[in-house]
């Protein structure tokens, strides 16, 4: 059975890159050699900050998509393993206060 992984890389400029692979060591090496993605190629070197394994590619891809929507603070909490902080760091898509009607 093949494993699938979602991962976070910390780039040289401090930004975080979210990815998906079935060969973590090889994929991180590709990023490090400038072969991974245009984003990481311009921000070398990179370092693996976090990863998690999944039984299916679909499950890993679902988490990858979810992580791409997370704030930096929420990603940093995940990297630290501060799972208790994750719910409080969820951000709303809209800046409109909850009790304000649309258009006000």
Protein backbone atom coordinates (compact mmCIF):
# COMPACT_ATOMS: atom_id res chain seq x y z
CA UNK A 1 0.00 0.00 0.00
CA UNK A 2 1.31 3.44 -0.97
CA UNK A 3 1.31 6.28 1.52
CA UNK A 4 0.35 9.82 0.69
CA UNK A 5 1.49 12.87 2.61
CA UNK A 6 0.49 16.49 3.00
CA UNK A 7 3.41 18.69 4.04
CA UNK A 8 4.48 22.22 4.90
CA UNK A 9 7.84 23.66 3.91
CA UNK A 10 9.40 26.73 5.49
CA UNK A 11 11.07 28.79 2.78
CA UNK A 12 14.17 30.97 3.19
CA UNK A 13 12.03 34.12 3.19
CA UNK A 14 9.92 32.71 6.06
CA UNK A 15 6.86 31.90 3.97
CA UNK A 16 5.18 28.51 4.16
CA UNK A 17 4.49 26.24 1.19
CA UNK A 18 1.82 23.53 1.26
CA UNK A 19 2.29 20.39 -0.81
CA UNK A 20 1.25 16.80 -1.42
CA UNK A 21 3.40 13.78 -2.30
CA UNK A 22 3.80 10.02 -2.11
CA UNK A 23 7.60 10.33 -1.60
CA UNK A 24 8.35 12.95 1.05
CA UNK A 25 12.14 12.63 1.09
CA UNK A 26 12.33 12.75 -2.71
CA UNK A 27 9.89 15.65 -3.00
CA UNK A 28 11.70 17.78 -0.41
CA UNK A 29 14.97 17.06 -2.26
CA UNK A 30 13.33 18.19 -5.53
CA UNK A 31 12.23 21.43 -3.89
CA UNK A 32 15.73 21.93 -2.45
CA UNK A 33 17.28 21.43 -5.91
CA UNK A 34 14.93 24.01 -7.44
CA UNK A 35 12.84 21.37 -9.23
CA UNK A 36 9.81 21.35 -6.94
CA UNK A 37 7.72 24.38 -7.84
CA UNK A 38 8.22 27.89 -9.11
CA UNK A 39 7.22 29.24 -5.70
CA UNK A 40 9.88 27.34 -3.76
CA UNK A 41 12.49 27.72 -6.52
CA UNK A 42 12.48 31.47 -5.86
CA UNK A 43 12.70 31.00 -2.08
CA UNK A 44 15.52 28.51 -1.51
CA UNK A 45 16.59 26.92 0.69
CA UNK A 46 13.52 25.23 2.11
CA UNK A 47 13.08 23.01 5.15
CA UNK A 48 10.39 20.52 6.03
CA UNK A 49 8.29 22.03 8.81
CA UNK A 50 5.45 19.50 9.12
CA UNK A 51 3.95 16.44 7.43
CA UNK A 52 1.21 13.89 7.99
CA UNK A 53 0.47 10.53 6.33
CA UNK A 54 -2.83 9.45 4.78
CA UNK A 55 -4.10 6.13 3.45
CA UNK A 56 -5.45 7.68 0.25
CA UNK A 57 -4.33 10.44 -2.09
CA UNK A 58 -7.82 11.94 -1.84
CA UNK A 59 -7.50 12.34 1.93
CA UNK A 60 -4.07 13.96 1.63
CA UNK A 61 -5.31 16.26 -1.15
CA UNK A 62 -8.31 17.29 0.95
CA UNK A 63 -6.02 18.36 3.79
CA UNK A 64 -3.68 20.10 1.37
CA UNK A 65 -6.61 22.19 0.07
CA UNK A 66 -7.73 22.92 3.62
CA UNK A 67 -4.24 24.03 4.70
CA UNK A 68 -3.95 26.39 1.73
CA UNK A 69 -6.93 28.28 3.15
CA UNK A 70 -5.51 28.55 6.66
CA UNK A 71 -3.93 31.68 8.08
CA UNK A 72 -0.20 31.71 8.75
CA UNK A 73 -0.90 31.72 12.51
CA UNK A 74 -2.99 28.58 12.20
CA UNK A 75 -0.31 26.83 10.12
CA UNK A 76 2.33 27.80 12.69
CA UNK A 77 0.17 26.34 15.48
CA UNK A 78 -0.09 23.08 13.49
CA UNK A 79 3.70 23.02 13.04
CA UNK A 80 4.15 23.53 16.80
CA UNK A 81 1.64 20.78 17.52
CA UNK A 82 -0.57 23.28 19.37
CA UNK A 83 -3.84 21.60 18.35
CA UNK A 84 -5.81 23.34 21.11
CA UNK A 85 -5.10 26.71 19.46
CA UNK A 86 -6.42 25.71 16.02
CA UNK A 87 -10.14 26.42 16.59
CA UNK A 88 -9.45 29.89 17.97
CA UNK A 89 -7.25 30.69 14.97
CA UNK A 90 -9.94 29.88 12.42
CA UNK A 91 -10.72 33.05 10.50
CA UNK A 92 -13.95 34.03 8.89
CA UNK A 93 -13.99 34.55 5.13
CA UNK A 94 -15.95 37.78 5.54
CA UNK A 95 -14.85 40.86 7.46
CA UNK A 96 -18.51 41.75 8.14
CA UNK A 97 -19.50 41.43 11.81
CA UNK A 98 -21.87 38.54 12.51
CA UNK A 99 -24.75 40.78 13.62
CA UNK A 100 -24.45 43.18 10.67
CA UNK A 101 -26.81 42.76 7.74
CA UNK A 102 -25.33 42.47 4.23
CA UNK A 103 -24.99 45.88 2.57
CA UNK A 104 -24.74 47.84 5.84
